């Protein structure tokens, strides 16, 4: 599956967001791209229902918005929608309040 094939299946807006009804509506087109790999048996990691893919050069060519990304993490919600799971920022993941209360 490549971008051209996905565009035959899904309509997208000017920001490459899927506007076709279904589990990818409101998500970037690359979510459907990676989910296709998952349902056909390919994944780099699956932990706690989160599927992780490494972003490769050919992915960045098809989806320029991934140019600075190393991974894409996906999850199927209870309502059937497929969404990207964003990792918290480093400061959020390691944040502990300081003793002066300023954090």
PDB file of N, CA and C in Angstrom:
ATOM      1  N   UNK A   1       0.861  -1.177   0.000  1.00  0.00           N
ATOM      2  CA  UNK A   1       0.000   0.000   0.000  1.00  0.00           C
ATOM      3  C   UNK A   1       0.898   1.227   0.000  1.00  0.00           C
ATOM      4  N   UNK A   2       0.582   2.159  -0.883  1.00  0.00           N
ATOM      5  CA  UNK A   2       1.326   3.409  -0.918  1.00  0.00           C
ATOM      6  C   UNK A   2       0.350   4.578  -0.922  1.00  0.00           C
ATOM      7  N   UNK A   3       0.881   5.774  -0.925  1.00  0.00           N
ATOM      8  CA  UNK A   3       0.044   6.968  -0.851  1.00  0.00           C
ATOM      9  C   UNK A   3      -0.988   7.019  -1.980  1.00  0.00           C
ATOM     10  N   UNK A   4      -0.548   6.729  -3.189  1.00  0.00           N
ATOM     11  CA  UNK A   4      -1.446   6.762  -4.339  1.00  0.00           C
ATOM     12  C   UNK A   4      -2.627   5.802  -4.154  1.00  0.00           C
ATOM     13  N   UNK A   5      -2.350   4.602  -3.684  1.00  0.00           N
ATOM     14  CA  UNK A   5      -3.422   3.630  -3.448  1.00  0.00           C
ATOM     15  C   UNK A   5      -4.356   4.099  -2.336  1.00  0.00           C
ATOM     16  N   UNK A   6      -3.796   4.697  -1.297  1.00  0.00           N
ATOM     17  CA  UNK A   6      -4.627   5.214  -0.205  1.00  0.00           C
ATOM     18  C   UNK A   6      -5.552   6.327  -0.682  1.00  0.00           C
ATOM     19  N   UNK A   7      -5.053   7.169  -1.586  1.00  0.00           N
ATOM     20  CA  UNK A   7      -5.875   8.277  -2.090  1.00  0.00           C
ATOM     21  C   UNK A   7      -7.014   7.795  -2.984  1.00  0.00           C
ATOM     22  N   UNK A   8      -6.945   6.563  -3.444  1.00  0.00           N
ATOM     23  CA  UNK A   8      -8.081   5.966  -4.159  1.00  0.00           C
ATOM     24  C   UNK A   8      -9.163   5.517  -3.173  1.00  0.00           C
ATOM     25  N   UNK A   9      -8.758   5.247  -1.934  1.00  0.00           N
ATOM     26  CA  UNK A   9      -9.683   4.765  -0.910  1.00  0.00           C
ATOM     27  C   UNK A   9     -10.249   5.877  -0.022  1.00  0.00           C
ATOM     28  N   UNK A  10      -9.453   6.932   0.180  1.00  0.00           N
ATOM     29  CA  UNK A  10      -9.831   7.973   1.132  1.00  0.00           C
ATOM     30  C   UNK A  10      -9.709   9.357   0.510  1.00  0.00           C
ATOM     31  N   UNK A  11     -10.674  10.216   0.843  1.00  0.00           N
ATOM     32  CA  UNK A  11     -10.562  11.632   0.506  1.00  0.00           C
ATOM     33  C   UNK A  11      -9.849  12.318   1.652  1.00  0.00           C
ATOM     34  N   UNK A  12      -9.008  13.294   1.321  1.00  0.00           N
ATOM     35  CA  UNK A  12      -8.287  14.050   2.342  1.00  0.00           C
ATOM     36  C   UNK A  12      -8.466  15.539   2.089  1.00  0.00           C
ATOM     37  N   UNK A  13      -8.306  16.323   3.157  1.00  0.00           N
ATOM     38  CA  UNK A  13      -8.374  17.775   3.001  1.00  0.00           C
ATOM     39  C   UNK A  13      -6.991  18.324   2.640  1.00  0.00           C
ATOM     40  N   UNK A  14      -6.870  19.638   2.595  1.00  0.00           N
ATOM     41  CA  UNK A  14      -5.609  20.267   2.190  1.00  0.00           C
ATOM     42  C   UNK A  14      -4.460  20.011   3.169  1.00  0.00           C
ATOM     43  N   UNK A  15      -4.784  19.536   4.374  1.00  0.00           N
ATOM     44  CA  UNK A  15      -3.756  19.220   5.369  1.00  0.00           C
ATOM     45  C   UNK A  15      -3.449  17.728   5.451  1.00  0.00           C
ATOM     46  N   UNK A  16      -3.965  16.963   4.469  1.00  0.00           N
ATOM     47  CA  UNK A  16      -3.736  15.516   4.407  1.00  0.00           C
ATOM     48  C   UNK A  16      -4.468  14.756   5.520  1.00  0.00           C
ATOM     49  N   UNK A  17      -5.575  15.327   5.991  1.00  0.00           N
ATOM     50  CA  UNK A  17      -6.408  14.690   7.014  1.00  0.00           C
ATOM     51  C   UNK A  17      -7.551  13.951   6.311  1.00  0.00           C
ATOM     52  N   UNK A  18      -7.784  12.719   6.703  1.00  0.00           N
ATOM     53  CA  UNK A  18      -8.842  11.903   6.088  1.00  0.00           C
ATOM     54  C   UNK A  18     -10.211  12.509   6.412  1.00  0.00           C
ATOM     55  N   UNK A  19     -11.024  12.706   5.371  1.00  0.00           N
ATOM     56  CA  UNK A  19     -12.384  13.222   5.566  1.00  0.00           C
ATOM     57  C   UNK A  19     -13.445  12.178   5.220  1.00  0.00           C
ATOM     58  N   UNK A  20     -13.012  11.025   4.744  1.00  0.00           N
ATOM     59  CA  UNK A  20     -13.929   9.922   4.448  1.00  0.00           C
ATOM     60  C   UNK A  20     -14.371   9.291   5.766  1.00  0.00           C
ATOM     61  N   UNK A  21     -15.686   9.029   5.877  1.00  0.00           N
ATOM     62  CA  UNK A  21     -16.198   8.372   7.086  1.00  0.00           C
ATOM     63  C   UNK A  21     -15.504   7.035   7.296  1.00  0.00           C
ATOM     64  N   UNK A  22     -15.296   6.700   8.548  1.00  0.00           N
ATOM     65  CA  UNK A  22     -14.674   5.429   8.878  1.00  0.00           C
ATOM     66  C   UNK A  22     -13.679   5.594  10.011  1.00  0.00           C
ATOM     67  N   UNK A  23     -12.896   4.562  10.272  1.00  0.00           N
ATOM     68  CA  UNK A  23     -12.007   4.557  11.438  1.00  0.00           C
ATOM     69  C   UNK A  23     -10.840   5.542  11.360  1.00  0.00           C
ATOM     70  N   UNK A  24     -10.584   6.117  10.176  1.00  0.00           N
ATOM     71  CA  UNK A  24      -9.458   7.037  10.025  1.00  0.00           C
ATOM     72  C   UNK A  24      -9.900   8.497   9.893  1.00  0.00           C
ATOM     73  N   UNK A  25     -11.195   8.733   9.899  1.00  0.00           N
ATOM     74  CA  UNK A  25     -11.698  10.092   9.711  1.00  0.00           C
ATOM     75  C   UNK A  25     -11.114  11.020  10.787  1.00  0.00           C
ATOM     76  N   UNK A  26     -10.585  12.149  10.320  1.00  0.00           N
ATOM     77  CA  UNK A  26     -10.003  13.123  11.222  1.00  0.00           C
ATOM     78  C   UNK A  26      -8.541  12.878  11.536  1.00  0.00           C
ATOM     79  N   UNK A  27      -7.977  11.818  10.977  1.00  0.00           N
ATOM     80  CA  UNK A  27      -6.574  11.462  11.230  1.00  0.00           C
ATOM     81  C   UNK A  27      -5.734  11.746   9.984  1.00  0.00           C
ATOM     82  N   UNK A  28      -4.434  11.978  10.158  1.00  0.00           N
ATOM     83  CA  UNK A  28      -3.556  12.112   8.990  1.00  0.00           C
ATOM     84  C   UNK A  28      -3.576  10.823   8.163  1.00  0.00           C
ATOM     85  N   UNK A  29      -3.414  10.971   6.860  1.00  0.00           N
ATOM     86  CA  UNK A  29      -3.464   9.814   5.960  1.00  0.00           C
ATOM     87  C   UNK A  29      -2.432   8.759   6.319  1.00  0.00           C
ATOM     88  N   UNK A  30      -1.303   9.173   6.872  1.00  0.00           N
ATOM     89  CA  UNK A  30      -0.275   8.186   7.199  1.00  0.00           C
ATOM     90  C   UNK A  30      -0.734   7.194   8.267  1.00  0.00           C
ATOM     91  N   UNK A  31      -1.753   7.519   9.026  1.00  0.00           N
ATOM     92  CA  UNK A  31      -2.295   6.569  10.013  1.00  0.00           C
ATOM     93  C   UNK A  31      -2.849   5.343   9.276  1.00  0.00           C
ATOM     94  N   UNK A  32      -3.618   5.563   8.211  1.00  0.00           N
ATOM     95  CA  UNK A  32      -4.149   4.450   7.414  1.00  0.00           C
ATOM     96  C   UNK A  32      -3.013   3.658   6.761  1.00  0.00           C
ATOM     97  N   UNK A  33      -1.983   4.357   6.324  1.00  0.00           N
ATOM     98  CA  UNK A  33      -0.812   3.725   5.702  1.00  0.00           C
ATOM     99  C   UNK A  33      -0.174   2.715   6.655  1.00  0.00           C
ATOM    100  N   UNK A  34       0.097   3.152   7.868  1.00  0.00           N
ATOM    101  CA  UNK A  34       0.729   2.243   8.834  1.00  0.00           C
ATOM    102  C   UNK A  34      -0.241   1.163   9.312  1.00  0.00           C
ATOM    103  N   UNK A  35      -1.513   1.504   9.470  1.00  0.00           N
ATOM    104  CA  UNK A  35      -2.473   0.500   9.925  1.00  0.00           C
ATOM    105  C   UNK A  35      -2.584  -0.629   8.903  1.00  0.00           C
ATOM    106  N   UNK A  36      -2.503  -0.309   7.634  1.00  0.00           N
ATOM    107  CA  UNK A  36      -2.529  -1.348   6.610  1.00  0.00           C
ATOM    108  C   UNK A  36      -1.398  -2.350   6.832  1.00  0.00           C
ATOM    109  N   UNK A  37      -0.199  -1.832   7.147  1.00  0.00           N
ATOM    110  CA  UNK A  37       0.915  -2.744   7.431  1.00  0.00           C
ATOM    111  C   UNK A  37       0.594  -3.641   8.618  1.00  0.00           C
ATOM    112  N   UNK A  38      -0.006  -3.082   9.634  1.00  0.00           N
ATOM    113  CA  UNK A  38      -0.338  -3.852  10.828  1.00  0.00           C
ATOM    114  C   UNK A  38      -1.320  -4.974  10.509  1.00  0.00           C
ATOM    115  N   UNK A  39      -2.389  -4.661   9.800  1.00  0.00           N
ATOM    116  CA  UNK A  39      -3.408  -5.692   9.537  1.00  0.00           C
ATOM    117  C   UNK A  39      -2.929  -6.755   8.560  1.00  0.00           C
ATOM    118  N   UNK A  40      -1.841  -6.456   7.838  1.00  0.00           N
ATOM    119  CA  UNK A  40      -1.279  -7.470   6.944  1.00  0.00           C
ATOM    120  C   UNK A  40      -0.117  -8.215   7.593  1.00  0.00           C
ATOM    121  N   UNK A  41       0.057  -8.014   8.906  1.00  0.00           N
ATOM    122  CA  UNK A  41       1.020  -8.818   9.641  1.00  0.00           C
ATOM    123  C   UNK A  41       2.356  -8.180   9.927  1.00  0.00           C
ATOM    124  N   UNK A  42       2.536  -6.920   9.566  1.00  0.00           N
ATOM    125  CA  UNK A  42       3.828  -6.290   9.785  1.00  0.00           C
ATOM    126  C   UNK A  42       3.747  -5.257  10.903  1.00  0.00           C
ATOM    127  N   UNK A  43       4.636  -5.365  11.861  1.00  0.00           N
ATOM    128  CA  UNK A  43       4.766  -4.370  12.921  1.00  0.00           C
ATOM    129  C   UNK A  43       6.145  -4.501  13.529  1.00  0.00           C
ATOM    130  N   UNK A  44       6.667  -3.397  14.031  1.00  0.00           N
ATOM    131  CA  UNK A  44       7.955  -3.474  14.698  1.00  0.00           C
ATOM    132  C   UNK A  44       7.802  -3.802  16.172  1.00  0.00           C
ATOM    133  N   UNK A  45       6.687  -3.395  16.756  1.00  0.00           N
ATOM    134  CA  UNK A  45       6.460  -3.661  18.177  1.00  0.00           C
ATOM    135  C   UNK A  45       4.980  -3.489  18.481  1.00  0.00           C
ATOM    136  N   UNK A  46       4.471  -4.337  19.374  1.00  0.00           N
ATOM    137  CA  UNK A  46       3.104  -4.176  19.866  1.00  0.00           C
ATOM    138  C   UNK A  46       3.141  -4.415  21.366  1.00  0.00           C
ATOM    139  N   UNK A  47       2.826  -3.372  22.106  1.00  0.00           N
ATOM    140  CA  UNK A  47       2.832  -3.422  23.551  1.00  0.00           C
ATOM    141  C   UNK A  47       1.584  -2.726  24.074  1.00  0.00           C
ATOM    142  N   UNK A  48       0.832  -3.399  24.950  1.00  0.00           N
ATOM    143  CA  UNK A  48      -0.373  -2.800  25.548  1.00  0.00           C
ATOM    144  C   UNK A  48      -1.309  -2.231  24.496  1.00  0.00           C
ATOM    145  N   UNK A  49      -1.539  -2.965  23.425  1.00  0.00           N
ATOM    146  CA  UNK A  49      -2.437  -2.556  22.343  1.00  0.00           C
ATOM    147  C   UNK A  49      -1.961  -1.333  21.573  1.00  0.00           C
ATOM    148  N   UNK A  50      -0.712  -0.950  21.741  1.00  0.00           N
ATOM    149  CA  UNK A  50      -0.126   0.143  20.961  1.00  0.00           C
ATOM    150  C   UNK A  50       0.855  -0.469  19.972  1.00  0.00           C
ATOM    151  N   UNK A  51       0.641  -0.176  18.703  1.00  0.00           N
ATOM    152  CA  UNK A  51       1.461  -0.711  17.625  1.00  0.00           C
ATOM    153  C   UNK A  51       2.461   0.361  17.208  1.00  0.00           C
ATOM    154  N   UNK A  52       3.737   0.010  17.186  1.00  0.00           N
ATOM    155  CA  UNK A  52       4.785   0.969  16.873  1.00  0.00           C
ATOM    156  C   UNK A  52       5.466   0.613  15.559  1.00  0.00           C
ATOM    157  N   UNK A  53       5.706   1.629  14.736  1.00  0.00           N
ATOM    158  CA  UNK A  53       6.419   1.494  13.470  1.00  0.00           C
ATOM    159  C   UNK A  53       7.566   2.485  13.440  1.00  0.00           C
ATOM    160  N   UNK A  54       8.693   2.079  12.885  1.00  0.00           N
ATOM    161  CA  UNK A  54       9.793   2.997  12.645  1.00  0.00           C
ATOM    162  C   UNK A  54       9.543   3.715  11.329  1.00  0.00           C
ATOM    163  N   UNK A  55       9.732   5.027  11.310  1.00  0.00           N
ATOM    164  CA  UNK A  55       9.550   5.816  10.099  1.00  0.00           C
ATOM    165  C   UNK A  55      10.811   5.677   9.245  1.00  0.00           C
ATOM    166  N   UNK A  56      10.616   5.250   8.012  1.00  0.00           N
ATOM    167  CA  UNK A  56      11.727   5.033   7.092  1.00  0.00           C
ATOM    168  C   UNK A  56      11.780   6.161   6.043  1.00  0.00           C
ATOM    169  N   UNK A  57      12.855   6.207   5.322  1.00  0.00           N
ATOM    170  CA  UNK A  57      13.029   7.239   4.296  1.00  0.00           C
ATOM    171  C   UNK A  57      11.879   7.232   3.300  1.00  0.00           C
ATOM    172  N   UNK A  58      11.469   6.050   2.853  1.00  0.00           N
ATOM    173  CA  UNK A  58      10.376   5.978   1.875  1.00  0.00           C
ATOM    174  C   UNK A  58       9.051   6.478   2.460  1.00  0.00           C
ATOM    175  N   UNK A  59       8.873   6.338   3.764  1.00  0.00           N
ATOM    176  CA  UNK A  59       7.678   6.876   4.420  1.00  0.00           C
ATOM    177  C   UNK A  59       7.711   8.399   4.400  1.00  0.00           C
ATOM    178  N   UNK A  60       8.871   8.960   4.681  1.00  0.00           N
ATOM    179  CA  UNK A  60       9.031  10.424   4.706  1.00  0.00           C
ATOM    180  C   UNK A  60       8.825  11.029   3.315  1.00  0.00           C
ATOM    181  N   UNK A  61       9.198  10.291   2.283  1.00  0.00           N
ATOM    182  CA  UNK A  61       8.990  10.772   0.912  1.00  0.00           C
ATOM    183  C   UNK A  61       7.495  10.860   0.617  1.00  0.00           C
ATOM    184  N   UNK A  62       6.733   9.851   1.022  1.00  0.00           N
ATOM    185  CA  UNK A  62       5.291   9.845   0.771  1.00  0.00           C
ATOM    186  C   UNK A  62       4.520  10.793   1.695  1.00  0.00           C
ATOM    187  N   UNK A  63       5.034  10.974   2.900  1.00  0.00           N
ATOM    188  CA  UNK A  63       4.351  11.776   3.909  1.00  0.00           C
ATOM    189  C   UNK A  63       5.351  12.762   4.523  1.00  0.00           C
ATOM    190  N   UNK A  64       5.556  13.910   3.882  1.00  0.00           N
ATOM    191  CA  UNK A  64       6.560  14.871   4.356  1.00  0.00           C
ATOM    192  C   UNK A  64       6.365  15.320   5.806  1.00  0.00           C
ATOM    193  N   UNK A  65       5.142  15.235   6.322  1.00  0.00           N
ATOM    194  CA  UNK A  65       4.919  15.638   7.720  1.00  0.00           C
ATOM    195  C   UNK A  65       5.632  14.713   8.708  1.00  0.00           C
ATOM    196  N   UNK A  66       6.157  13.596   8.221  1.00  0.00           N
ATOM    197  CA  UNK A  66       6.916  12.670   9.070  1.00  0.00           C
ATOM    198  C   UNK A  66       8.419  12.936   9.032  1.00  0.00           C
ATOM    199  N   UNK A  67       8.839  14.023   8.399  1.00  0.00           N
ATOM    200  CA  UNK A  67      10.266  14.256   8.159  1.00  0.00           C
ATOM    201  C   UNK A  67      11.120  14.238   9.413  1.00  0.00           C
ATOM    202  N   UNK A  68      10.596  14.675  10.542  1.00  0.00           N
ATOM    203  CA  UNK A  68      11.383  14.705  11.777  1.00  0.00           C
ATOM    204  C   UNK A  68      11.003  13.595  12.755  1.00  0.00           C
ATOM    205  N   UNK A  69      10.233  12.632  12.289  1.00  0.00           N
ATOM    206  CA  UNK A  69       9.737  11.586  13.171  1.00  0.00           C
ATOM    207  C   UNK A  69      10.587  10.329  13.069  1.00  0.00           C
ATOM    208  N   UNK A  70      10.732   9.644  14.211  1.00  0.00           N
ATOM    209  CA  UNK A  70      11.433   8.364  14.235  1.00  0.00           C
ATOM    210  C   UNK A  70      10.463   7.202  14.309  1.00  0.00           C
ATOM    211  N   UNK A  71       9.328   7.413  14.976  1.00  0.00           N
ATOM    212  CA  UNK A  71       8.333   6.358  15.125  1.00  0.00           C
ATOM    213  C   UNK A  71       6.929   6.915  14.967  1.00  0.00           C
ATOM    214  N   UNK A  72       6.006   6.008  14.680  1.00  0.00           N
ATOM    215  CA  UNK A  72       4.572   6.285  14.697  1.00  0.00           C
ATOM    216  C   UNK A  72       3.954   5.189  15.543  1.00  0.00           C
ATOM    217  N   UNK A  73       3.123   5.595  16.508  1.00  0.00           N
ATOM    218  CA  UNK A  73       2.489   4.639  17.421  1.00  0.00           C
ATOM    219  C   UNK A  73       0.974   4.752  17.259  1.00  0.00           C
ATOM    220  N   UNK A  74       0.312   3.617  17.023  1.00  0.00           N
ATOM    221  CA  UNK A  74      -1.128   3.586  16.754  1.00  0.00           C
ATOM    222  C   UNK A  74      -1.868   2.727  17.753  1.00  0.00           C
ATOM    223  N   UNK A  75      -3.148   3.058  17.917  1.00  0.00           N
ATOM    224  CA  UNK A  75      -4.015   2.285  18.804  1.00  0.00           C
ATOM    225  C   UNK A  75      -5.434   2.313  18.245  1.00  0.00           C
ATOM    226  N   UNK A  76      -6.108   1.174  18.375  1.00  0.00           N
ATOM    227  CA  UNK A  76      -7.533   1.112  18.011  1.00  0.00           C
ATOM    228  C   UNK A  76      -8.336   1.386  19.282  1.00  0.00           C
ATOM    229  N   UNK A  77      -9.207   2.386  19.208  1.00  0.00           N
ATOM    230  CA  UNK A  77     -10.050   2.732  20.346  1.00  0.00           C
ATOM    231  C   UNK A  77     -11.243   1.790  20.439  1.00  0.00           C
ATOM    232  N   UNK A  78     -11.928   1.818  21.550  1.00  0.00           N
ATOM    233  CA  UNK A  78     -13.098   0.956  21.745  1.00  0.00           C
ATOM    234  C   UNK A  78     -14.181   1.211  20.707  1.00  0.00           C
ATOM    235  N   UNK A  79     -14.268   2.449  20.197  1.00  0.00           N
ATOM    236  CA  UNK A  79     -15.286   2.771  19.184  1.00  0.00           C
ATOM    237  C   UNK A  79     -14.857   2.349  17.776  1.00  0.00           C
ATOM    238  N   UNK A  80     -13.666   1.739  17.654  1.00  0.00           N
ATOM    239  CA  UNK A  80     -13.187   1.258  16.363  1.00  0.00           C
ATOM    240  C   UNK A  80     -12.296   2.236  15.620  1.00  0.00           C
ATOM    241  N   UNK A  81     -12.215   3.470  16.079  1.00  0.00           N
ATOM    242  CA  UNK A  81     -11.357   4.445  15.415  1.00  0.00           C
ATOM    243  C   UNK A  81      -9.892   4.132  15.679  1.00  0.00           C
ATOM    244  N   UNK A  82      -9.068   4.456  14.697  1.00  0.00           N
ATOM    245  CA  UNK A  82      -7.629   4.253  14.794  1.00  0.00           C
ATOM    246  C   UNK A  82      -6.995   5.627  14.998  1.00  0.00           C
ATOM    247  N   UNK A  83      -6.187   5.753  16.047  1.00  0.00           N
ATOM    248  CA  UNK A  83      -5.577   7.047  16.362  1.00  0.00           C
ATOM    249  C   UNK A  83      -4.094   6.878  16.616  1.00  0.00           C
ATOM    250  N   UNK A  84      -3.390   7.986  16.488  1.00  0.00           N
ATOM    251  CA  UNK A  84      -1.973   7.997  16.815  1.00  0.00           C
ATOM    252  C   UNK A  84      -1.817   8.284  18.299  1.00  0.00           C
ATOM    253  N   UNK A  85      -0.926   7.545  18.920  1.00  0.00           N
ATOM    254  CA  UNK A  85      -0.601   7.756  20.326  1.00  0.00           C
ATOM    255  C   UNK A  85       0.684   8.568  20.351  1.00  0.00           C
ATOM    256  N   UNK A  86       0.579   9.790  20.819  1.00  0.00           N
ATOM    257  CA  UNK A  86       1.762  10.655  20.878  1.00  0.00           C
ATOM    258  C   UNK A  86       2.445  10.441  22.212  1.00  0.00           C
ATOM    259  N   UNK A  87       3.747  10.337  22.169  1.00  0.00           N
ATOM    260  CA  UNK A  87       4.502  10.203  23.410  1.00  0.00           C
ATOM    261  C   UNK A  87       4.545  11.566  24.087  1.00  0.00           C
ATOM    262  N   UNK A  88       4.503  11.599  25.408  1.00  0.00           N
ATOM    263  CA  UNK A  88       4.596  12.887  26.095  1.00  0.00           C
ATOM    264  C   UNK A  88       5.952  13.522  25.845  1.00  0.00           C
ATOM    265  N   UNK A  89       5.974  14.847  25.916  1.00  0.00           N
ATOM    266  CA  UNK A  89       7.238  15.550  25.790  1.00  0.00           C
ATOM    267  C   UNK A  89       8.173  15.119  26.907  1.00  0.00           C
ATOM    268  N   UNK A  90       9.452  15.216  26.671  1.00  0.00           N
ATOM    269  CA  UNK A  90      10.429  14.802  27.670  1.00  0.00           C
ATOM    270  C   UNK A  90      10.139  15.455  29.007  1.00  0.00           C
ATOM    271  N   UNK A  91       9.843  16.736  29.024  1.00  0.00           N
ATOM    272  CA  UNK A  91       9.614  17.442  30.293  1.00  0.00           C
ATOM    273  C   UNK A  91       8.364  16.924  30.990  1.00  0.00           C
ATOM    274  N   UNK A  92       7.354  16.512  30.225  1.00  0.00           N
ATOM    275  CA  UNK A  92       6.142  15.968  30.828  1.00  0.00           C
ATOM    276  C   UNK A  92       6.388  14.575  31.384  1.00  0.00           C
ATOM    277  N   UNK A  93       7.188  13.781  30.675  1.00  0.00           N
ATOM    278  CA  UNK A  93       7.425  12.402  31.082  1.00  0.00           C
ATOM    279  C   UNK A  93       8.292  12.323  32.331  1.00  0.00           C
ATOM    280  N   UNK A  94       9.115  13.320  32.538  1.00  0.00           N
ATOM    281  CA  UNK A  94      10.041  13.257  33.663  1.00  0.00           C
ATOM    282  C   UNK A  94       9.753  14.312  34.721  1.00  0.00           C
ATOM    283  N   UNK A  95       8.645  14.995  34.574  1.00  0.00           N
ATOM    284  CA  UNK A  95       8.332  16.120  35.447  1.00  0.00           C
ATOM    285  C   UNK A  95       8.048  15.653  36.887  1.00  0.00           C
ATOM    286  N   UNK A  96       8.727  16.241  37.799  1.00  0.00           N
ATOM    287  CA  UNK A  96       8.409  16.044  39.219  1.00  0.00           C
ATOM    288  C   UNK A  96       8.394  17.426  39.838  1.00  0.00           C
ATOM    289  N   UNK A  97       7.400  17.730  40.663  1.00  0.00           N
ATOM    290  CA  UNK A  97       7.311  19.062  41.236  1.00  0.00           C
ATOM    291  C   UNK A  97       8.540  19.380  42.081  1.00  0.00           C
ATOM    292  N   UNK A  98       8.995  20.600  41.963  1.00  0.00           N
ATOM    293  CA  UNK A  98      10.121  21.013  42.809  1.00  0.00           C
ATOM    294  C   UNK A  98       9.613  21.343  44.206  1.00  0.00           C
ATOM    295  N   UNK A  99      10.529  21.423  45.136  1.00  0.00           N
ATOM    296  CA  UNK A  99      10.125  21.685  46.514  1.00  0.00           C
ATOM    297  C   UNK A  99       9.585  23.091  46.696  1.00  0.00           C
ATOM    298  N   UNK A 100       9.933  24.023  45.821  1.00  0.00           N
ATOM    299  CA  UNK A 100       9.409  25.371  45.968  1.00  0.00           C
ATOM    300  C   UNK A 100       8.034  25.538  45.346  1.00  0.00           C
ATOM    301  N   UNK A 101       7.500  24.452  44.784  1.00  0.00           N
ATOM    302  CA  UNK A 101       6.154  24.473  44.244  1.00  0.00           C
ATOM    303  C   UNK A 101       6.052  25.026  42.839  1.00  0.00           C
ATOM    304  N   UNK A 102       7.149  25.397  42.224  1.00  0.00           N
ATOM    305  CA  UNK A 102       7.109  25.964  40.870  1.00  0.00           C
ATOM    306  C   UNK A 102       7.163  24.899  39.791  1.00  0.00           C
ATOM    307  N   UNK A 103       7.572  23.652  40.158  1.00  0.00           N
ATOM    308  CA  UNK A 103       7.615  22.562  39.199  1.00  0.00           C
ATOM    309  C   UNK A 103       8.659  22.769  38.207  1.00  0.00           C
TER     310      UNK A 103
END
